[in-house]
Amino acid sequence: MRFLIQNIRGWGAPGRRTQLKDIFKTEQVDIIGLQETIKHDFSAQELRWLEHGGQFNWNWVPAVGHSGGLLLGFSDEFFEVGFWRKGSFFLSADILQRNNNLKWRFMLVYGPADHSRTSEFLGELETEVSNCLLPIVVAGDFNLVRRAEDKSNGAVNWPQVRRFNDVLASLSLREICRAGARFTWTNNQASPIRSVLDRVFVSPSWEVVFPLSSLAAVTRIGSDHCSLILDNGEKGLKRSPRFFFQTWWFGVPGFGELVRCRLASAISAAGTQRSSVDLWQHIARGLRQFLKGWGANLGRERRVFREDLVKRIQGLDEMADANGLDDEGWAL
């Protein structure tokens, strides 16, 4: 099973939700945890739009003013959600994994950017995790580094570093090693500062059950944070193929005429010997199959261009991690 953890820097940012849904669809995630939604409430329509492959059980912590906000969702197909918990800096749920009847807790956190509240954040984290009797995953944007190497300029607050590491040690939490980008955040300046702020920690009891867990950072596009994809190492459960009608197809030139032609062709091919119900099922099935293939091929050039762009960005990220970039490189 796969989990998506990301600081989205505002639910309403242009193109942000579309990018999020693309990751959701591509990575086939079963748990999604978003930080810094900067949103006070979510409508059922907004949440249904985000879902792909089935319904999710959602809950959230409202933003405070123009900062913060958490959104957490679990696939109804794979998880039964029990008790939700909310705090100033976290949102968690006790969940039952349907395929193995294992009960564990997922805790999504967003550490304060205002470091005058760091002690409050770490205190809340310590209290919640120490009182948890279940295997636990703690993930999110902690807004803290653990070592000098976690920041590109090496300038770190050592008392905060020691306090953070002391709390993690007292809770026996282990950080899952990350593959991909060396840093998870950048300030998006011409000569940027980059840091590792986004992390996933697990308890020993969770790691014993899922020893093959892995974590990967997805190349960031349009955001200052990388997306994190946590895979618990279980063999993916085969999902039944489903057809999803995309409302944006109505904006494709000639779409209405295309559908009318396909319907007319299907009605003609069906003949008059069928009952009304059989005729409807035959036409709907044929149109669904056609649109599924048509939709998959639609915009192929755009998808190829986007994939090529992601590869180029990944190449630049690797160069930056290995040797750094000059001003011209960062300007790209």
Protein backbone atom coordinates (compact mmCIF):
# COMPACT_ATOMS: atom_id res chain seq x y z
CA MET A 1 0.00 0.00 0.00
CA ARG A 2 1.11 3.52 -0.75
CA PHE A 3 0.76 6.75 1.21
CA LEU A 4 1.12 10.33 -0.05
CA ILE A 5 2.47 13.01 2.30
CA GLN A 6 2.81 16.58 1.02
CA ASN A 7 2.90 20.20 2.09
CA ILE A 8 0.78 21.78 -0.67
CA ARG A 9 1.22 25.44 0.33
CA GLY A 10 -2.45 26.27 -0.13
CA TRP A 11 -5.38 24.26 -1.47
CA GLY A 12 -6.44 27.17 -3.67
CA ALA A 13 -3.07 27.77 -5.36
CA PRO A 14 -3.41 27.78 -9.19
CA GLY A 15 -2.99 24.28 -10.61
CA ARG A 16 -2.16 22.79 -7.23
CA ARG A 17 -5.19 20.50 -6.98
CA THR A 18 -4.75 19.27 -10.55
CA GLN A 19 -1.11 18.37 -9.81
CA LEU A 20 -2.23 16.69 -6.62
CA LYS A 21 -4.83 14.61 -8.41
CA ASP A 22 -2.26 13.60 -11.04
CA ILE A 23 0.03 12.27 -8.28
CA PHE A 24 -2.94 10.60 -6.59
CA LYS A 25 -3.79 8.81 -9.84
CA THR A 26 -0.24 7.97 -10.90
CA GLU A 27 0.93 6.66 -7.53
CA GLN A 28 -2.34 4.83 -6.67
CA VAL A 29 -2.25 5.97 -3.04
CA ASP A 30 -4.41 4.52 -0.26
CA ILE A 31 -3.67 7.19 2.38
CA ILE A 32 -3.26 10.88 1.65
CA GLY A 33 -1.97 13.42 4.17
CA LEU A 34 -1.74 17.10 3.23
CA GLN A 35 -0.22 19.89 5.28
CA GLU A 36 -0.63 23.66 5.03
CA THR A 37 -3.94 23.52 3.19
CA ILE A 38 -4.64 27.13 4.33
CA LYS A 39 -8.31 26.19 4.30
CA HIS A 40 -10.91 26.21 7.06
CA ASP A 41 -13.39 23.75 5.63
CA PHE A 42 -13.87 21.25 2.79
CA SER A 43 -17.07 20.46 0.90
CA ALA A 44 -18.04 16.90 -0.02
CA GLN A 45 -17.75 17.91 -3.68
CA GLU A 46 -14.14 19.05 -3.26
CA LEU A 47 -13.16 15.81 -1.55
CA ARG A 48 -15.01 13.57 -4.04
CA TRP A 49 -13.24 15.37 -6.89
CA LEU A 50 -9.86 14.55 -5.39
CA GLU A 51 -10.58 10.83 -5.00
CA HIS A 52 -9.47 8.31 -7.59
CA GLY A 53 -10.30 4.61 -7.57
CA GLY A 54 -12.85 4.68 -4.75
CA GLN A 55 -14.17 6.66 -1.81
CA PHE A 56 -12.05 7.92 1.08
CA ASN A 57 -12.83 8.67 4.71
CA TRP A 58 -11.74 12.29 5.34
CA ASN A 59 -11.09 14.59 8.26
CA TRP A 60 -9.20 17.85 8.67
CA VAL A 61 -7.80 20.45 11.04
CA PRO A 62 -8.75 24.01 9.97
CA ALA A 63 -6.11 26.57 9.14
CA VAL A 64 -5.43 29.34 11.62
CA GLY A 65 -5.71 32.59 9.71
CA HIS A 66 -3.64 32.25 6.54
CA SER A 67 -1.38 29.42 7.69
CA GLY A 68 -1.55 25.77 8.65
CA GLY A 69 -4.37 23.33 8.04
CA LEU A 70 -4.26 19.52 7.73
CA LEU A 71 -6.26 17.10 5.56
CA LEU A 72 -6.11 13.32 6.03
CA GLY A 73 -7.93 10.60 4.10
CA PHE A 74 -8.04 6.80 4.07
CA SER A 75 -9.32 4.51 1.32
CA ASP A 76 -12.60 2.90 2.39
CA GLU A 77 -11.66 -0.15 0.36
CA PHE A 78 -8.58 -0.93 2.44
CA PHE A 79 -9.09 0.76 5.83
CA GLU A 80 -11.73 0.99 8.51
CA VAL A 81 -11.25 4.25 10.39
CA GLY A 82 -11.86 4.28 14.13
CA PHE A 83 -11.10 7.15 16.49
CA TRP A 84 -9.84 10.51 15.17
CA ARG A 85 -7.59 12.77 17.25
CA LYS A 86 -6.82 16.43 16.65
CA GLY A 87 -4.29 18.78 18.19
CA SER A 88 -2.67 22.12 17.49
CA PHE A 89 -0.07 20.50 15.24
CA PHE A 90 -1.42 17.07 14.32
CA LEU A 91 -4.31 14.99 13.01
CA SER A 92 -4.35 11.24 13.62
CA ALA A 93 -6.62 8.24 13.25
CA ASP A 94 -6.69 4.69 14.55
CA ILE A 95 -7.25 2.46 11.52
CA LEU A 96 -7.93 -1.21 10.90
CA GLN A 97 -6.25 -2.58 7.80
CA ARG A 98 -8.84 -4.81 6.18
CA ASN A 99 -6.50 -7.27 4.44
CA ASN A 100 -4.70 -8.38 7.62
CA ASN A 101 -6.89 -7.06 10.50
CA LEU A 102 -3.94 -5.06 11.84
CA LYS A 103 -4.86 -2.00 13.88
CA TRP A 104 -2.41 0.90 13.88
CA ARG A 105 -2.29 4.69 14.00
CA PHE A 106 -1.36 7.22 11.35
CA MET A 107 -0.36 10.65 12.66
CA LEU A 108 0.00 13.61 10.29
CA VAL A 109 1.93 16.60 11.64
CA TYR A 110 2.76 20.15 10.61
CA GLY A 111 5.46 21.77 12.71
CA PRO A 112 5.29 25.54 13.22
CA ALA A 113 7.37 27.79 10.98
CA ASP A 114 7.45 30.15 13.96
CA HIS A 115 10.16 28.48 16.03
CA SER A 116 9.02 30.22 19.19
CA ARG A 117 6.34 27.47 19.20
CA THR A 118 8.73 24.58 18.51
CA SER A 119 8.80 23.47 22.17
CA GLU A 120 4.99 23.40 22.20
CA PHE A 121 5.00 21.28 19.04
CA LEU A 122 7.57 18.81 20.34
CA GLY A 123 5.76 18.57 23.66
CA GLU A 124 2.49 17.71 21.92
CA LEU A 125 4.27 15.17 19.72
CA GLU A 126 5.93 13.54 22.71
CA THR A 127 2.67 13.31 24.67
CA GLU A 128 0.63 11.83 21.81
CA VAL A 129 3.16 9.22 20.70
CA SER A 130 4.15 8.13 24.21
CA ASN A 131 0.48 7.53 25.06
CA CYS A 132 -0.16 5.49 21.92
CA LEU A 133 -0.31 1.72 22.49
CA LEU A 134 -0.64 0.90 18.77
CA PRO A 135 2.01 0.66 16.05
CA ILE A 136 2.33 4.19 14.69
CA VAL A 137 3.48 6.16 11.66
CA VAL A 138 4.30 9.86 12.18
CA ALA A 139 4.68 11.82 8.96
CA GLY A 140 4.60 15.36 7.66
CA ASP A 141 6.44 18.66 7.53
CA PHE A 142 8.25 19.01 10.85
CA ASN A 143 9.91 22.34 9.97
CA LEU A 144 13.00 21.06 11.83
CA VAL A 145 16.33 19.58 10.77
CA ARG A 146 18.24 16.78 12.50
CA ARG A 147 21.81 17.52 11.41
CA ALA A 148 23.87 20.14 9.59
CA GLU A 149 23.71 18.11 6.37
CA ASP A 150 19.93 18.62 6.31
CA LYS A 151 20.43 22.24 5.23
CA SER A 152 22.32 23.34 2.14
CA ASN A 153 24.09 26.23 3.89
CA GLY A 154 24.77 24.28 7.09
CA ALA A 155 23.33 27.05 9.29
CA VAL A 156 21.25 25.25 11.89
CA ASN A 157 19.89 25.97 15.35
CA TRP A 158 21.77 23.37 17.39
CA PRO A 159 19.61 23.56 20.56
CA GLN A 160 16.55 22.81 18.40
CA VAL A 161 18.41 20.00 16.63
CA ARG A 162 19.33 18.38 19.94
CA ARG A 163 15.82 18.82 21.35
CA PHE A 164 14.25 17.26 18.22
CA ASN A 165 16.60 14.29 18.26
CA ASP A 166 16.16 13.79 22.01
CA VAL A 167 12.37 13.60 21.59
CA LEU A 168 12.68 11.09 18.75
CA ALA A 169 15.06 8.96 20.80
CA SER A 170 12.80 9.02 23.86
CA LEU A 171 9.89 7.83 21.70
CA SER A 172 12.00 5.15 19.94
CA LEU A 173 10.91 6.46 16.55
CA ARG A 174 13.02 5.52 13.54
CA GLU A 175 13.17 7.65 10.43
CA ILE A 176 12.59 5.79 7.16
CA CYS A 177 15.44 6.50 4.76
CA ARG A 178 14.36 8.50 1.75
CA ALA A 179 15.27 7.80 -1.87
CA GLY A 180 15.26 10.51 -4.52
CA ALA A 181 15.83 14.20 -3.80
CA ARG A 182 18.47 15.00 -1.19
CA PHE A 183 16.39 17.93 0.13
CA THR A 184 12.60 18.18 0.42
CA TRP A 185 12.16 21.97 0.55
CA THR A 186 13.59 25.04 -1.15
CA ASN A 187 12.93 28.75 -0.74
CA ASN A 188 12.74 29.10 -4.56
CA GLN A 189 15.29 31.91 -4.73
CA ALA A 190 17.92 32.45 -7.44
CA SER A 191 20.54 30.99 -5.10
CA PRO A 192 18.23 28.86 -2.98
CA ILE A 193 18.50 27.53 0.53
CA ARG A 194 17.35 23.90 0.63
CA SER A 195 16.47 21.76 3.64
CA VAL A 196 15.10 18.40 4.71
CA LEU A 197 11.87 19.30 6.51
CA ASP A 198 9.49 16.53 5.43
CA ARG A 199 9.97 13.14 7.08
CA VAL A 200 8.35 9.83 8.00
CA PHE A 201 8.99 8.09 11.35
CA VAL A 202 7.71 4.70 12.48
CA SER A 203 7.58 2.83 15.76
CA PRO A 204 9.47 -0.47 16.18
CA SER A 205 6.17 -2.37 16.36
CA TRP A 206 5.10 -0.96 12.97
CA GLU A 207 8.47 -1.67 11.38
CA VAL A 208 8.35 -5.31 12.54
CA VAL A 209 5.09 -5.80 10.65
CA PHE A 210 6.26 -3.91 7.55
CA PRO A 211 10.04 -4.49 7.34
CA LEU A 212 10.20 -3.78 3.59
CA SER A 213 8.81 -0.25 3.84
CA SER A 214 10.40 2.38 1.60
CA LEU A 215 10.13 6.13 1.13
CA ALA A 216 10.65 8.15 -2.06
CA ALA A 217 10.63 11.88 -2.78
CA VAL A 218 8.73 12.80 -5.94
CA THR A 219 10.24 15.56 -8.06
CA ARG A 220 8.56 18.82 -7.12
CA ILE A 221 6.84 20.90 -9.82
CA GLY A 222 5.26 24.23 -8.92
CA SER A 223 5.76 23.77 -5.18
CA ASP A 224 8.54 24.42 -2.70
CA HIS A 225 8.08 20.97 -1.10
CA CYS A 226 8.61 17.50 -2.55
CA SER A 227 5.84 14.94 -2.29
CA LEU A 228 6.73 11.87 -0.22
CA ILE A 229 5.46 8.42 -1.20
CA LEU A 230 5.60 5.81 1.56
CA ASP A 231 5.25 2.18 0.45
CA ASN A 232 4.69 -0.33 3.25
CA GLY A 233 6.20 -3.15 1.17
CA GLU A 234 3.03 -5.17 0.84
CA LYS A 235 2.23 -6.58 -2.56
CA GLY A 236 -0.26 -4.22 -4.13
CA LEU A 237 -3.83 -5.39 -4.13
CA LYS A 238 -5.21 -5.64 -7.64
CA ARG A 239 -7.84 -3.00 -8.22
CA SER A 240 -10.75 -3.64 -10.50
CA PRO A 241 -10.47 -1.48 -13.63
CA ARG A 242 -12.93 1.38 -13.51
CA PHE A 243 -14.09 3.96 -15.99
CA PHE A 244 -14.17 7.61 -14.92
CA PHE A 245 -15.93 10.20 -17.05
CA GLN A 246 -13.91 13.41 -17.04
CA THR A 247 -16.02 16.59 -17.08
CA TRP A 248 -13.25 18.52 -18.84
CA TRP A 249 -13.89 16.39 -21.93
CA PHE A 250 -16.85 18.69 -22.62
CA GLY A 251 -14.29 21.39 -23.41
CA VAL A 252 -12.53 19.30 -26.08
CA PRO A 253 -13.53 20.59 -29.55
CA GLY A 254 -15.82 18.14 -31.34
CA PHE A 255 -16.51 16.01 -28.27
CA GLY A 256 -20.30 16.36 -28.45
CA GLU A 257 -20.43 15.41 -32.12
CA LEU A 258 -18.10 12.48 -31.47
CA VAL A 259 -20.42 11.11 -28.78
CA ARG A 260 -23.50 11.58 -30.96
CA CYS A 261 -21.86 9.65 -33.81
CA ARG A 262 -20.83 6.81 -31.51
CA LEU A 263 -24.34 6.61 -30.04
CA ALA A 264 -25.93 6.55 -33.48
CA SER A 265 -23.51 3.84 -34.61
CA ALA A 266 -24.16 1.75 -31.49
CA ILE A 267 -27.94 2.04 -31.86
CA SER A 268 -27.75 1.01 -35.51
CA ALA A 269 -25.49 -1.96 -34.72
CA ALA A 270 -27.71 -3.14 -31.86
CA GLY A 271 -30.72 -3.75 -34.06
CA THR A 272 -34.38 -3.73 -33.07
CA GLN A 273 -34.63 -7.19 -31.52
CA ARG A 274 -33.33 -6.11 -28.12
CA SER A 275 -35.44 -4.99 -25.18
CA SER A 276 -35.13 -1.40 -23.96
CA VAL A 277 -32.95 -2.47 -21.01
CA ASP A 278 -30.70 -4.66 -23.16
CA LEU A 279 -30.39 -1.89 -25.73
CA TRP A 280 -29.39 0.64 -23.07
CA GLN A 281 -26.82 -1.71 -21.50
CA HIS A 282 -25.33 -2.52 -24.91
CA ILE A 283 -25.02 1.14 -25.89
CA ALA A 284 -23.64 2.22 -22.50
CA ARG A 285 -21.07 -0.58 -22.46
CA GLY A 286 -19.87 0.25 -25.97
CA LEU A 287 -19.67 3.99 -25.30
CA ARG A 288 -17.81 3.38 -22.03
CA GLN A 289 -15.23 1.17 -23.76
CA PHE A 290 -14.77 3.71 -26.53
CA LEU A 291 -14.36 6.68 -24.18
CA LYS A 292 -11.93 4.75 -22.00
CA GLY A 293 -9.60 4.21 -24.97
CA TRP A 294 -10.22 7.66 -26.41
CA GLY A 295 -9.49 9.31 -23.09
CA ALA A 296 -6.27 7.32 -22.63
CA ASN A 297 -4.97 8.58 -25.99
CA LEU A 298 -6.18 12.14 -25.56
CA GLY A 299 -3.42 14.64 -25.04
CA ARG A 300 -0.61 12.11 -25.58
CA GLU A 301 1.75 14.82 -26.76
CA ARG A 302 1.04 16.80 -23.62
CA ARG A 303 1.78 13.80 -21.41
CA VAL A 304 5.00 13.05 -23.28
CA PHE A 305 6.08 16.68 -22.93
CA ARG A 306 5.33 16.64 -19.21
CA GLU A 307 7.26 13.39 -18.69
CA ASP A 308 10.24 14.85 -20.56
CA LEU A 309 10.04 18.01 -18.44
CA VAL A 310 10.01 15.97 -15.21
CA LYS A 311 13.09 14.03 -16.37
CA ARG A 312 14.94 17.28 -17.08
CA ILE A 313 14.00 18.65 -13.65
CA GLN A 314 15.16 15.41 -12.02
CA GLY A 315 18.48 15.73 -13.87
CA LEU A 316 18.93 19.29 -12.59
CA ASP A 317 18.06 18.17 -9.05
CA GLU A 318 20.69 15.42 -9.21
CA MET A 319 23.30 17.90 -10.49
CA ALA A 320 22.39 20.34 -7.72
CA ASP A 321 22.68 17.64 -5.05
CA ALA A 322 26.01 16.37 -6.36
CA ASN A 323 27.91 19.49 -7.41
CA GLY A 324 25.60 22.47 -7.04
CA LEU A 325 24.43 24.79 -9.82
CA ASP A 326 25.58 28.20 -11.00
CA ASP A 327 23.18 31.15 -11.25
CA GLU A 328 22.28 30.23 -14.82
CA GLY A 329 21.40 26.69 -13.74
CA TRP A 330 19.16 27.86 -10.92
CA ALA A 331 17.46 30.28 -13.29
CA LEU A 332 16.28 27.33 -15.39
